[in-house]
Every structure is written in structure tokens, then in C-alpha cells.
């Protein structure tokens, strides 16, 4: 928001004496929070930008697999069942769990499968000749690495916790940053005129716009977190709701590696009221022979108005169904799944955005905005600029501190203490934020105890961290 990563010279005019306590206290918390928040936000912004551009980057990196063309002017697309058969011949020991239609006339069909060892692979097929072009491990592509870093820093539960902790403190940084932006604007102007240092002005100007979007990204990303997200989902489940667009129980293979823009609607055990309804199953007429296939399922779903390109999750067993998921990348409200009997080709059930609990509808729209896809090109470019803006803030803040850091043994942190005893409203607000964000609350308590029991009592540490006496 403002230049809170660098201490101002002693002669720099500051806020009024009346507000100095709050100003320096917020400045200090903003300063130290940056050491956790900046590295994590830099990773999240850069990986988020890569993921945002995945549809442009991956075809360039893997053009031999993802881009196709007919070998002759008379060649036509082969049925998806024929393409599926080609994949089964090429990978006889694997299990196909889903198929996604080509997104354009020059793109390949994608089959996702699981191998005997439990790994997943995406198989690319030229639809014009039903020829298997090759395969990729989705986790080892550029966007695959970006997703895993973005979600858990490729460190499992620990990485998820670090991201949640940083996200909570980033919210605090954004809020305190706006306070500092408003209260310190006159001092910054005088400082800039006197010293000619414009970097801090650019930092503040960019932060004024980035802060709003950053708060939106952080809040919309909280449902994915392992502590806050899990607790809210548990609370919602106990009250007959859900944050997620879970289907009421169609038997399709749940291991399909579907695109994040598609509703993951293949769970058989869901924690909300519709889980009490009958589980949709295919009905065997007695001879165990299926008269429907993936082409049948797509034809049925097309007649129901689902958007292309569709993804088909394959039946998990002889009772399973074809679950056809409509494309809803740019409109979460268009999310819809149709379950088709694998024997007769009839619609067993359908489930869409209109069937979501209210909370799930809100979360779905929030995720669409978070991923830069709900408002078409507007949200795409807004998200891209937001990622660049966050990276700019993550670079300019530490750079300003490095240029003006003290040459002694001190961090150069602003000296200030939260006036909790004198400001009951501040104490209530801090406690409320701690309850709302448990990871933040626990970390604040740990910081306060460390400050009181350790840093203030050890002289060298007190001087290094700038702890007020």
C-alpha cells in the first residue's frame, strides 16, 4: 500500500502526535508481516499468472500433442468411441477415467487415465485419424507445476498451512496498508519533493489499486485452505449446506483429473441434504451388454443444451453412469452435469448450478473471479494485471527497505506497540479477526508472547528487532 517496509528518517514529518501510536504500530506489524507474506505472494502471483495463461502456453510447449490438422481435405473426425478404442489398445493396462472434447478444430481429444501404479496421464488423440499422439503427466507440465506450487507449495499439508498463514497476514497487510496510505500521505509528498525518491510513491500508487483486488483474491481463495476452508465446510455440512458443487451421488470414477473450471460432481458421499436422495445408477437389462457409449452420452447431453467442449467421466463399474459435464469456464452459472445410463442411454439424473446450495453458488462465482474467467476477457486481463501488480509490490517493498536499511545491527523496523489497553475497539477487532481466521489468531498470540517473554528481555534481540522498551 504505502512505503511501510522502510523506516523514515527522524526528520521526516509524520502523522500527528494523536495518531502516532496507531500509525507506528500498524507500520511495524506491516513491516514484519512482509517477511512472511512477500515470498509467498510472489510465488502465488507468478504461478497464478502461469495458470491463467495455460491455454496459451501449453499448446506452444506441446504443439506436437495438442495441435492437429487433417491429413487430407476429405478426412473427417472419427467417433469418440473409436478414439477411445485406440487409447485402450495403446495403454491396455490403464483405466480411462475421462475424455474431453477438442476445444477447437485444430486441437486434439484428451483422455485422462490412471495407471497400475496409481499415476495419472493425459493421452492426446488426433480426432481425424483416431491416432494416439502421445501422453503427458499433467503434474509435470508447466501449468501442472504452477498449480501444485499455488495450492500447497508442493509440500503437502505443511505448504497448505504456510499459504493459509501468509494469506491471513496478507489481509492484515492490505488493511493496515490502506491506513498507512491515508495517514501518511502528506509526509510522503514532502519526503518525495525533498529527496526525489519516487519509488515509494509508485509503490503507494500501485498498492492503492492492487490492494482491493488482492483482498478479493485472498478472500475468494480461502475456501481451498486446509484449516479455514475445512472448518467452514464442516459447519456448512452440519447445517445442510456445502461450499462445493457436489453432485448427489452419480457413480462415475472420482479420480478423473478434470479442469478446475469444471464442477467436480462425482462424489458418492456428500455432506449435505441431497445426499439422502437415491444414488443414480445404470440399469442392466439382464445381458450385461451396453448399447450406449461415450458418443451416445455426448449426443444426449448436447440435446439437453450442455455447452461444448464437454468432458465425460466414465462409469466406475457396471452400475456406473456416463457423467457429462458442460463447459462452464466463463460462466459458473452454466455449470451442469447430465448422468447417462451406460446400457440404455437414458438420462438418469441431472445436476447444475441451480441445484447448488446458496453458499456453493457464492463460492463458485468467487472461484470464477479468482481464476479470471467469470467476465470473459475483462476478468482475464484484470487478473493478469493483478498478478503483475502484486509482483511489483513484492519487489519494490523489499527494494526500498534494502536501499535505506540501517548500516548497524538493527533491522530498521519502525518502533511502535499496538495500544490494546487504551483502545478496546482495536482489541475487539483483533480478537474478532483472530476468531474469523484461526490460523491468524494463533500466530498473533504466538507473536505477542514472543515479544513479551523473549524479545523484550534479551538486549541484543530487542535492539535488532526494534522492540520498544
Protein backbone atom coordinates (compact mmCIF):
# COMPACT_ATOMS: atom_id res chain seq x y z
CA UNK A 1 0.00 0.00 0.00
CA UNK A 2 2.50 2.57 1.18
CA UNK A 3 6.17 2.54 1.92
CA UNK A 4 5.93 0.58 5.13
CA UNK A 5 8.95 -1.61 4.58
CA UNK A 6 11.42 1.23 5.14
CA UNK A 7 11.77 3.43 8.19
CA UNK A 8 11.59 7.14 7.53
CA UNK A 9 14.45 9.39 8.64
CA UNK A 10 13.99 11.02 12.02
CA UNK A 11 13.44 14.39 10.36
CA UNK A 12 10.65 13.12 8.15
CA UNK A 13 7.35 14.75 9.09
CA UNK A 14 4.97 12.09 10.28
CA UNK A 15 1.38 11.84 11.33
CA UNK A 16 0.02 13.95 14.09
CA UNK A 17 1.04 13.13 17.66
CA UNK A 18 -2.51 11.99 18.33
CA UNK A 19 -2.29 9.26 15.69
CA UNK A 20 1.43 8.44 16.05
CA UNK A 21 0.82 5.41 18.29
CA UNK A 22 -1.55 3.70 15.89
CA UNK A 23 0.46 4.73 12.85
CA UNK A 24 3.78 3.32 14.05
CA UNK A 25 2.14 0.20 15.49
CA UNK A 26 0.45 -0.61 12.19
CA UNK A 27 3.62 0.27 10.32
CA UNK A 28 5.59 -2.12 12.50
CA UNK A 29 3.15 -5.02 12.01
CA UNK A 30 3.04 -4.34 8.29
CA UNK A 31 6.83 -4.32 8.18
CA UNK A 32 7.36 -7.66 9.92
CA UNK A 33 4.41 -9.39 8.24
CA UNK A 34 6.10 -8.70 4.91
CA UNK A 35 8.88 -11.18 5.67
CA UNK A 36 6.33 -14.00 5.55
CA UNK A 37 3.84 -12.54 3.10
CA UNK A 38 6.11 -11.21 0.35
CA UNK A 39 7.81 -14.52 -0.60
CA UNK A 40 4.53 -16.43 -0.58
CA UNK A 41 2.62 -13.77 -2.51
CA UNK A 42 5.42 -13.63 -5.06
CA UNK A 43 5.05 -17.38 -5.64
CA UNK A 44 1.25 -17.20 -5.74
CA UNK A 45 1.21 -14.27 -8.17
CA UNK A 46 3.75 -15.78 -10.57
CA UNK A 47 2.19 -19.26 -10.55
CA UNK A 48 -1.27 -17.73 -10.80
CA UNK A 49 -0.20 -15.83 -13.91
CA UNK A 50 1.18 -19.03 -15.46
CA UNK A 51 -2.05 -20.89 -14.70
CA UNK A 52 -4.08 -18.01 -16.13
CA UNK A 53 -2.11 -18.27 -19.38
CA UNK A 54 -2.13 -22.08 -19.53
CA UNK A 55 -4.36 -22.24 -22.61
CA UNK A 56 -1.86 -20.08 -24.47
CA UNK A 57 1.39 -21.54 -23.07
CA UNK A 58 0.77 -25.30 -23.09
CA UNK A 59 -0.13 -25.57 -26.82
CA UNK A 60 3.09 -23.73 -27.60
CA UNK A 61 5.16 -26.03 -25.42
CA UNK A 62 3.45 -29.23 -26.59
CA UNK A 63 2.29 -28.39 -30.09
CA UNK A 64 3.04 -31.95 -31.29
CA UNK A 65 0.42 -33.29 -28.88
CA UNK A 66 -2.16 -30.55 -28.59
CA UNK A 67 -2.39 -29.18 -32.13
CA UNK A 68 -3.70 -31.28 -35.02
CA UNK A 69 -4.77 -30.98 -38.65
CA UNK A 70 -6.49 -33.40 -41.05
CA UNK A 71 -4.07 -35.19 -43.36
CA UNK A 72 -6.36 -34.56 -46.32
CA UNK A 73 -9.27 -32.30 -47.20
CA UNK A 74 -11.68 -35.23 -47.17
CA UNK A 75 -10.67 -36.64 -43.80
CA UNK A 76 -13.36 -36.33 -41.11
CA UNK A 77 -13.38 -36.69 -37.37
CA UNK A 78 -13.66 -40.20 -36.03
CA UNK A 79 -16.26 -41.16 -33.41
CA UNK A 80 -15.05 -40.73 -29.85
CA UNK A 81 -15.64 -44.44 -29.24
CA UNK A 82 -13.08 -45.20 -31.97
CA UNK A 83 -10.62 -42.78 -30.36
CA UNK A 84 -11.23 -44.43 -27.01
CA UNK A 85 -10.52 -47.84 -28.53
CA UNK A 86 -7.21 -46.52 -29.89
CA UNK A 87 -6.22 -45.35 -26.40
CA UNK A 88 -7.19 -48.72 -24.92
CA UNK A 89 -5.00 -50.52 -27.46
CA UNK A 90 -2.07 -48.22 -26.74
CA UNK A 91 -2.49 -48.48 -22.96
CA UNK A 92 -4.09 -51.86 -22.25
CA UNK A 93 -3.16 -51.90 -18.55
CA UNK A 94 -4.54 -48.44 -17.75
CA UNK A 95 -8.07 -47.31 -16.91
CA UNK A 96 -9.67 -44.43 -18.80
CA UNK A 97 -11.46 -42.17 -16.36
CA UNK A 98 -12.50 -39.21 -18.52
CA UNK A 99 -12.48 -37.76 -22.01
CA UNK A 100 -12.57 -34.10 -23.03
CA UNK A 101 -13.69 -32.93 -26.46
CA UNK A 102 -11.29 -30.82 -28.56
CA UNK A 103 -11.62 -27.15 -27.68
CA UNK A 104 -11.18 -26.11 -31.34
CA UNK A 105 -10.99 -27.67 -34.79
CA UNK A 106 -7.19 -27.77 -34.59
CA UNK A 107 -6.95 -29.30 -31.12
CA UNK A 108 -6.66 -32.93 -30.02
CA UNK A 109 -9.01 -35.03 -27.91
CA UNK A 110 -7.77 -35.62 -24.37
CA UNK A 111 -8.27 -38.87 -22.47
CA UNK A 112 -7.28 -38.98 -18.79
CA UNK A 113 -6.33 -42.36 -17.39
CA UNK A 114 -4.91 -43.97 -14.29
CA UNK A 115 -2.06 -46.45 -14.47
CA UNK A 116 -1.49 -49.59 -12.43
CA UNK A 117 0.84 -47.75 -10.08
CA UNK A 118 -1.78 -45.10 -9.35
CA UNK A 119 -0.29 -42.36 -11.50
CA UNK A 120 -2.30 -40.30 -13.97
CA UNK A 121 -1.60 -39.43 -17.59
CA UNK A 122 -3.31 -37.37 -20.24
CA UNK A 123 -3.41 -39.09 -23.63
CA UNK A 124 -3.73 -36.92 -26.74
CA UNK A 125 -5.51 -38.29 -29.81
CA UNK A 126 -5.79 -36.83 -33.31
CA UNK A 127 -9.57 -36.93 -33.85
CA UNK A 128 -9.19 -37.01 -37.64
CA UNK A 129 -7.45 -40.38 -37.72
CA UNK A 130 -8.03 -41.72 -34.20
CA UNK A 131 -4.24 -41.77 -33.85
CA UNK A 132 -2.64 -41.62 -30.40
CA UNK A 133 -0.14 -38.76 -30.50
CA UNK A 134 1.45 -39.27 -27.10
CA UNK A 135 0.92 -38.55 -23.43
CA UNK A 136 1.85 -36.18 -20.61
CA UNK A 137 1.87 -36.42 -16.86
CA UNK A 138 -0.43 -33.46 -16.01
CA UNK A 139 1.53 -32.78 -12.82
CA UNK A 140 4.81 -32.25 -14.70
CA UNK A 141 3.64 -29.70 -17.26
CA UNK A 142 4.41 -26.03 -16.70
CA UNK A 143 0.85 -25.32 -15.59
CA UNK A 144 0.85 -28.54 -13.53
CA UNK A 145 3.86 -27.37 -11.53
CA UNK A 146 2.25 -23.94 -11.22
CA UNK A 147 -0.95 -25.42 -9.81
CA UNK A 148 0.88 -27.55 -7.27
CA UNK A 149 3.01 -24.62 -6.12
CA UNK A 150 -0.01 -22.35 -6.00
CA UNK A 151 -2.07 -24.76 -3.92
CA UNK A 152 0.43 -26.19 -1.44
CA UNK A 153 3.96 -25.12 -2.44
CA UNK A 154 4.46 -28.78 -3.46
CA UNK A 155 4.84 -29.54 0.27
CA UNK A 156 1.54 -31.17 1.13
CA UNK A 157 -0.16 -30.22 4.37
CA UNK A 158 2.73 -28.05 5.55
CA UNK A 159 2.74 -25.99 2.38
CA UNK A 160 -1.03 -25.53 2.57
CA UNK A 161 -0.67 -24.24 6.13
CA UNK A 162 2.09 -21.79 5.13
CA UNK A 163 -0.07 -20.42 2.32
CA UNK A 164 -3.07 -20.02 4.62
CA UNK A 165 -0.92 -18.25 7.23
CA UNK A 166 0.51 -15.92 4.60
CA UNK A 167 -2.94 -15.25 3.15
CA UNK A 168 -4.29 -14.27 6.57
CA UNK A 169 -1.40 -11.90 7.20
CA UNK A 170 -1.71 -10.54 3.67
CA UNK A 171 -5.27 -9.49 4.52
CA UNK A 172 -3.91 -7.68 7.56
CA UNK A 173 -1.16 -6.11 5.45
CA UNK A 174 -3.71 -4.82 2.95
CA UNK A 175 -5.91 -3.31 5.66
CA UNK A 176 -3.03 -1.72 7.59
CA UNK A 177 -1.54 -0.57 4.30
CA UNK A 178 -4.62 1.46 3.49
CA UNK A 179 -4.49 3.01 6.95
CA UNK A 180 -0.87 3.99 6.41
CA UNK A 181 -1.65 5.21 2.89
CA UNK A 182 -4.23 7.67 4.19
CA UNK A 183 -2.47 8.79 7.38
CA UNK A 184 0.96 9.19 5.83
CA UNK A 185 0.11 10.84 2.52
CA UNK A 186 1.28 14.34 3.45
CA UNK A 187 4.56 13.10 4.85
CA UNK A 188 5.18 11.06 1.71
CA UNK A 189 4.60 14.06 -0.53
CA UNK A 190 7.04 16.21 1.42
CA UNK A 191 9.54 13.37 1.52
CA UNK A 192 9.31 12.85 -2.25
CA UNK A 193 9.72 16.55 -3.01
CA UNK A 194 12.72 16.83 -0.72
CA UNK A 195 14.60 13.68 -1.68
CA UNK A 196 13.33 12.98 -5.19
CA UNK A 197 12.76 9.34 -4.29
CA UNK A 198 9.79 8.37 -6.44
CA UNK A 199 9.90 4.62 -5.93
CA UNK A 200 7.91 4.84 -2.72
CA UNK A 201 5.30 7.00 -4.48
CA UNK A 202 4.90 4.40 -7.22
CA UNK A 203 4.68 1.68 -4.57
CA UNK A 204 1.87 3.55 -2.85
CA UNK A 205 0.04 4.43 -6.07
CA UNK A 206 0.09 0.86 -7.39
CA UNK A 207 -0.81 -0.51 -3.96
CA UNK A 208 -3.91 1.67 -3.77
CA UNK A 209 -5.38 -0.27 -6.70
CA UNK A 210 -3.76 -3.65 -6.11
CA UNK A 211 -4.97 -3.79 -2.52
CA UNK A 212 -8.64 -4.03 -3.50
CA UNK A 213 -8.06 -6.84 -5.95
CA UNK A 214 -5.67 -8.60 -3.57
CA UNK A 215 -8.32 -8.66 -0.85
CA UNK A 216 -10.77 -10.17 -3.32
CA UNK A 217 -8.29 -12.84 -4.40
CA UNK A 218 -7.38 -13.71 -0.82
CA UNK A 219 -10.96 -13.98 0.39
CA UNK A 220 -12.10 -15.99 -2.64
CA UNK A 221 -9.13 -18.32 -2.17
CA UNK A 222 -9.87 -19.11 1.49
CA UNK A 223 -12.36 -21.94 0.69
CA UNK A 224 -9.42 -24.01 -0.60
CA UNK A 225 -7.44 -23.73 2.65
CA UNK A 226 -6.94 -26.70 4.94
CA UNK A 227 -7.98 -25.03 8.21
CA UNK A 228 -10.42 -22.20 7.46
CA UNK A 229 -11.90 -23.92 4.41
CA UNK A 230 -12.27 -27.27 6.15
CA UNK A 231 -13.89 -25.71 9.22
CA UNK A 232 -16.38 -23.68 7.19
CA UNK A 233 -17.27 -26.72 5.08
CA UNK A 234 -17.78 -28.79 8.22
CA UNK A 235 -20.03 -26.09 9.67
CA UNK A 236 -21.95 -25.80 6.40
CA UNK A 237 -22.38 -29.58 6.21
CA UNK A 238 -23.77 -29.70 9.71
CA UNK A 239 -26.40 -27.17 8.63
CA UNK A 240 -27.44 -28.94 5.43
CA UNK A 241 -25.34 -26.88 3.04
CA UNK A 242 -21.97 -27.01 1.28
CA UNK A 243 -19.35 -24.69 -0.15
CA UNK A 244 -18.83 -27.01 -3.10
CA UNK A 245 -20.92 -28.07 -6.05
CA UNK A 246 -21.04 -31.72 -5.10
CA UNK A 247 -23.43 -33.94 -7.01
CA UNK A 248 -25.86 -36.09 -5.08
CA UNK A 249 -24.16 -39.34 -5.91
CA UNK A 250 -23.64 -40.41 -9.51
CA UNK A 251 -21.34 -43.41 -9.83
CA UNK A 252 -18.55 -42.16 -12.08
CA UNK A 253 -14.87 -42.57 -11.45
CA UNK A 254 -13.81 -39.90 -8.91
CA UNK A 255 -10.13 -40.00 -9.91
CA UNK A 256 -10.62 -38.09 -13.15
CA UNK A 257 -8.21 -35.15 -13.39
CA UNK A 258 -10.72 -32.60 -14.61
CA UNK A 259 -10.05 -28.96 -15.35
CA UNK A 260 -10.59 -26.62 -12.40
CA UNK A 261 -13.21 -24.74 -14.41
CA UNK A 262 -15.50 -27.79 -14.39
CA UNK A 263 -17.73 -28.78 -11.49
CA UNK A 264 -16.32 -31.79 -9.68
CA UNK A 265 -19.59 -33.65 -9.41
CA UNK A 266 -18.69 -37.29 -8.93
CA UNK A 267 -18.66 -37.94 -5.20
CA UNK A 268 -20.87 -40.65 -3.72
CA UNK A 269 -20.67 -39.42 -0.13
CA UNK A 270 -21.64 -35.79 0.18
CA UNK A 271 -22.15 -33.84 3.41
CA UNK A 272 -25.41 -32.10 2.68
CA UNK A 273 -29.12 -32.77 2.37
CA UNK A 274 -29.24 -34.05 -1.20
CA UNK A 275 -27.01 -36.92 -0.14
CA UNK A 276 -30.14 -38.57 1.22
CA UNK A 277 -31.59 -38.91 -2.29
CA UNK A 278 -31.14 -42.17 -4.25
CA UNK A 279 -27.78 -42.67 -5.93
CA UNK A 280 -28.14 -42.55 -9.73
CA UNK A 281 -27.14 -45.92 -11.23
CA UNK A 282 -27.22 -47.57 -14.61
CA UNK A 283 -29.83 -50.31 -15.02
CA UNK A 284 -28.63 -53.58 -16.54
CA UNK A 285 -31.35 -55.21 -18.67
CA UNK A 286 -30.02 -58.65 -17.85
CA UNK A 287 -27.46 -59.47 -20.53
CA UNK A 288 -24.81 -57.01 -19.25
CA UNK A 289 -24.29 -55.60 -22.74
CA UNK A 290 -24.07 -51.83 -23.06
CA UNK A 291 -25.81 -50.27 -26.03
CA UNK A 292 -24.58 -46.78 -25.12
CA UNK A 293 -21.06 -45.39 -25.39
CA UNK A 294 -19.27 -42.08 -24.99
CA UNK A 295 -20.77 -40.77 -28.26
CA UNK A 296 -24.25 -41.63 -27.00
CA UNK A 297 -23.62 -39.75 -23.78
CA UNK A 298 -22.40 -36.66 -25.66
CA UNK A 299 -25.38 -36.74 -28.03
CA UNK A 300 -27.80 -36.93 -25.10
CA UNK A 301 -26.05 -34.11 -23.25
CA UNK A 302 -25.98 -31.96 -26.38
CA UNK A 303 -29.75 -32.37 -26.71
CA UNK A 304 -30.03 -31.17 -23.11
CA UNK A 305 -28.23 -27.94 -24.01
CA UNK A 306 -24.87 -28.52 -22.32
CA UNK A 307 -22.08 -26.35 -23.66
CA UNK A 308 -19.14 -27.64 -25.68
CA UNK A 309 -16.43 -28.76 -25.22
CA UNK A 310 -17.83 -31.33 -22.83
CA UNK A 311 -15.98 -33.66 -20.50
CA UNK A 312 -17.24 -37.21 -19.94
CA UNK A 313 -16.36 -39.07 -16.74
CA UNK A 314 -16.53 -42.78 -17.44
CA UNK A 315 -18.60 -45.31 -15.44
CA UNK A 316 -16.65 -46.60 -12.45
CA UNK A 317 -18.18 -50.09 -12.66
CA UNK A 318 -21.11 -51.99 -14.16
CA UNK A 319 -23.55 -49.82 -12.18
CA UNK A 320 -21.89 -46.54 -13.03
CA UNK A 321 -23.07 -43.89 -15.47
CA UNK A 322 -21.54 -41.60 -18.06
CA UNK A 323 -21.31 -38.19 -16.35
CA UNK A 324 -21.21 -35.46 -18.99
CA UNK A 325 -20.02 -32.10 -17.71
CA UNK A 326 -20.76 -28.97 -19.71
CA UNK A 327 -18.12 -26.33 -20.37
CA UNK A 328 -18.59 -23.51 -17.88
CA UNK A 329 -15.22 -21.80 -17.95
CA UNK A 330 -16.51 -18.27 -18.49
CA UNK A 331 -19.83 -18.63 -16.67
CA UNK A 332 -20.08 -20.60 -13.41
CA UNK A 333 -23.86 -20.23 -13.59
CA UNK A 334 -23.79 -22.50 -16.67
CA UNK A 335 -22.22 -25.40 -14.75
CA UNK A 336 -24.29 -28.52 -15.38
CA UNK A 337 -23.80 -32.29 -15.33
CA UNK A 338 -26.00 -34.90 -17.02
CA UNK A 339 -25.73 -38.56 -15.98
CA UNK A 340 -26.46 -41.07 -18.74
CA UNK A 341 -27.26 -44.77 -18.27
CA UNK A 342 -24.44 -46.84 -19.79
CA UNK A 343 -26.88 -49.52 -21.02
CA UNK A 344 -29.92 -47.75 -22.42
CA UNK A 345 -28.54 -44.24 -22.95
CA UNK A 346 -31.31 -42.64 -20.87
CA UNK A 347 -30.80 -39.66 -18.59
CA UNK A 348 -30.55 -40.96 -15.03
CA UNK A 349 -30.32 -37.51 -13.42
CA UNK A 350 -29.04 -34.00 -14.00
CA UNK A 351 -27.39 -31.56 -11.65
CA UNK A 352 -26.43 -27.95 -12.21
CA UNK A 353 -25.78 -24.53 -10.76
CA UNK A 354 -29.45 -24.01 -9.97
CA UNK A 355 -29.31 -27.05 -7.68
CA UNK A 356 -26.34 -25.79 -5.66
CA UNK A 357 -26.87 -24.57 -2.09
CA UNK A 358 -26.69 -20.78 -1.82
CA UNK A 359 -23.24 -20.96 -0.24
CA UNK A 360 -21.94 -23.13 -3.10
CA UNK A 361 -23.28 -20.63 -5.63
CA UNK A 362 -21.39 -17.81 -3.92
CA UNK A 363 -18.18 -19.87 -3.75
CA UNK A 364 -18.50 -20.93 -7.40
CA UNK A 365 -18.80 -17.31 -8.52
CA UNK A 366 -15.91 -16.34 -6.26
CA UNK A 367 -13.71 -19.05 -7.76
CA UNK A 368 -14.63 -17.87 -11.24
CA UNK A 369 -13.44 -14.38 -10.35
CA UNK A 370 -10.37 -15.74 -8.57
CA UNK A 371 -9.34 -17.62 -11.73
CA UNK A 372 -10.05 -14.68 -14.04
CA UNK A 373 -12.75 -16.36 -16.09
CA UNK A 374 -16.21 -15.20 -14.96
CA UNK A 375 -16.38 -12.00 -17.01
CA UNK A 376 -14.60 -13.09 -20.17
CA UNK A 377 -11.66 -11.03 -21.37
CA UNK A 378 -12.34 -8.30 -18.83
CA UNK A 379 -11.66 -10.54 -15.84
CA UNK A 380 -8.83 -12.31 -17.70
CA UNK A 381 -6.86 -9.12 -18.24
CA UNK A 382 -7.81 -7.75 -14.83
CA UNK A 383 -6.43 -10.90 -13.19
CA UNK A 384 -3.28 -10.77 -15.30
CA UNK A 385 -2.68 -7.13 -14.33
CA UNK A 386 -3.40 -8.01 -10.70
CA UNK A 387 -0.73 -10.73 -10.76
CA UNK A 388 1.78 -8.29 -12.25
CA UNK A 389 0.78 -5.64 -9.73
CA UNK A 390 1.27 -7.99 -6.78
CA UNK A 391 4.69 -8.99 -8.09
CA UNK A 392 5.57 -5.28 -8.44
CA UNK A 393 4.60 -4.68 -4.81
CA UNK A 394 6.57 -7.73 -3.66
CA UNK A 395 9.71 -6.40 -5.38
CA UNK A 396 9.51 -2.67 -4.67
CA UNK A 397 8.77 -3.02 -0.94
CA UNK A 398 11.90 -5.01 -0.04
CA UNK A 399 13.94 -2.95 -2.53
CA UNK A 400 13.08 0.26 -0.70
CA UNK A 401 13.99 -1.27 2.63
CA UNK A 402 17.30 -2.57 1.23
CA UNK A 403 18.25 0.84 -0.16
CA UNK A 404 17.59 2.65 3.12
CA UNK A 405 18.29 -0.07 5.66
CA UNK A 406 20.40 0.97 8.66
CA UNK A 407 24.06 0.03 8.47
CA UNK A 408 24.21 -1.14 12.07
CA UNK A 409 22.86 -4.26 13.76
CA UNK A 410 19.21 -3.26 13.62
CA UNK A 411 16.50 -4.38 11.20
CA UNK A 412 15.37 -0.78 10.98
CA UNK A 413 11.82 -1.65 11.94
CA UNK A 414 9.53 1.20 12.99
CA UNK A 415 9.16 1.30 16.75
CA UNK A 416 5.58 1.07 17.86
CA UNK A 417 3.28 -1.01 20.03
CA UNK A 418 -0.38 -1.72 19.50
CA UNK A 419 -2.30 0.39 22.04
CA UNK A 420 -4.57 -2.51 23.00
CA UNK A 421 -5.15 -1.39 26.61
CA UNK A 422 -6.01 2.15 25.58
CA UNK A 423 -8.11 1.10 22.59
CA UNK A 424 -10.77 -1.51 23.46
CA UNK A 425 -12.21 -1.25 19.95
CA UNK A 426 -8.86 -2.27 18.47
CA UNK A 427 -8.64 -5.20 20.88
CA UNK A 428 -12.15 -6.38 19.96
CA UNK A 429 -11.37 -6.05 16.25
CA UNK A 430 -8.14 -8.03 16.62
CA UNK A 431 -9.91 -10.76 18.60
CA UNK A 432 -12.72 -10.91 16.04
CA UNK A 433 -10.25 -11.26 13.21
CA UNK A 434 -8.46 -13.98 15.15
CA UNK A 435 -11.70 -15.93 15.62
CA UNK A 436 -12.69 -15.49 11.98
CA UNK A 437 -9.21 -16.54 10.80
CA UNK A 438 -7.98 -19.11 13.35
CA UNK A 439 -4.53 -19.51 11.82
CA UNK A 440 -4.02 -15.76 12.04
CA UNK A 441 -5.32 -15.68 15.62
CA UNK A 442 -2.91 -18.38 16.78
CA UNK A 443 0.01 -16.70 15.03
CA UNK A 444 -0.82 -13.31 16.59
CA UNK A 445 -0.90 -14.88 20.04
CA UNK A 446 2.47 -16.52 19.36
CA UNK A 447 3.96 -13.22 18.19
CA UNK A 448 2.69 -11.31 21.24
CA UNK A 449 4.06 -13.96 23.61
CA UNK A 450 7.41 -13.99 21.81
CA UNK A 451 7.57 -10.20 22.00
CA UNK A 452 6.76 -10.06 25.71
CA UNK A 453 8.59 -13.11 27.02
CA UNK A 454 11.70 -13.19 24.84
CA UNK A 455 12.48 -10.17 22.68
CA UNK A 456 11.96 -7.51 25.35
CA UNK A 457 14.13 -9.37 27.86
CA UNK A 458 17.18 -10.01 25.70
CA UNK A 459 19.04 -6.81 24.90
CA UNK A 460 20.66 -7.74 21.56
CA UNK A 461 17.39 -9.18 20.25
CA UNK A 462 15.46 -6.14 21.49
CA UNK A 463 17.81 -3.81 19.65
CA UNK A 464 17.91 -5.92 16.47
CA UNK A 465 14.13 -6.18 16.13
CA UNK A 466 13.48 -2.64 17.33
CA UNK A 467 11.25 -3.71 20.22
CA UNK A 468 10.04 -0.65 22.14
CA UNK A 469 11.03 -0.68 25.79
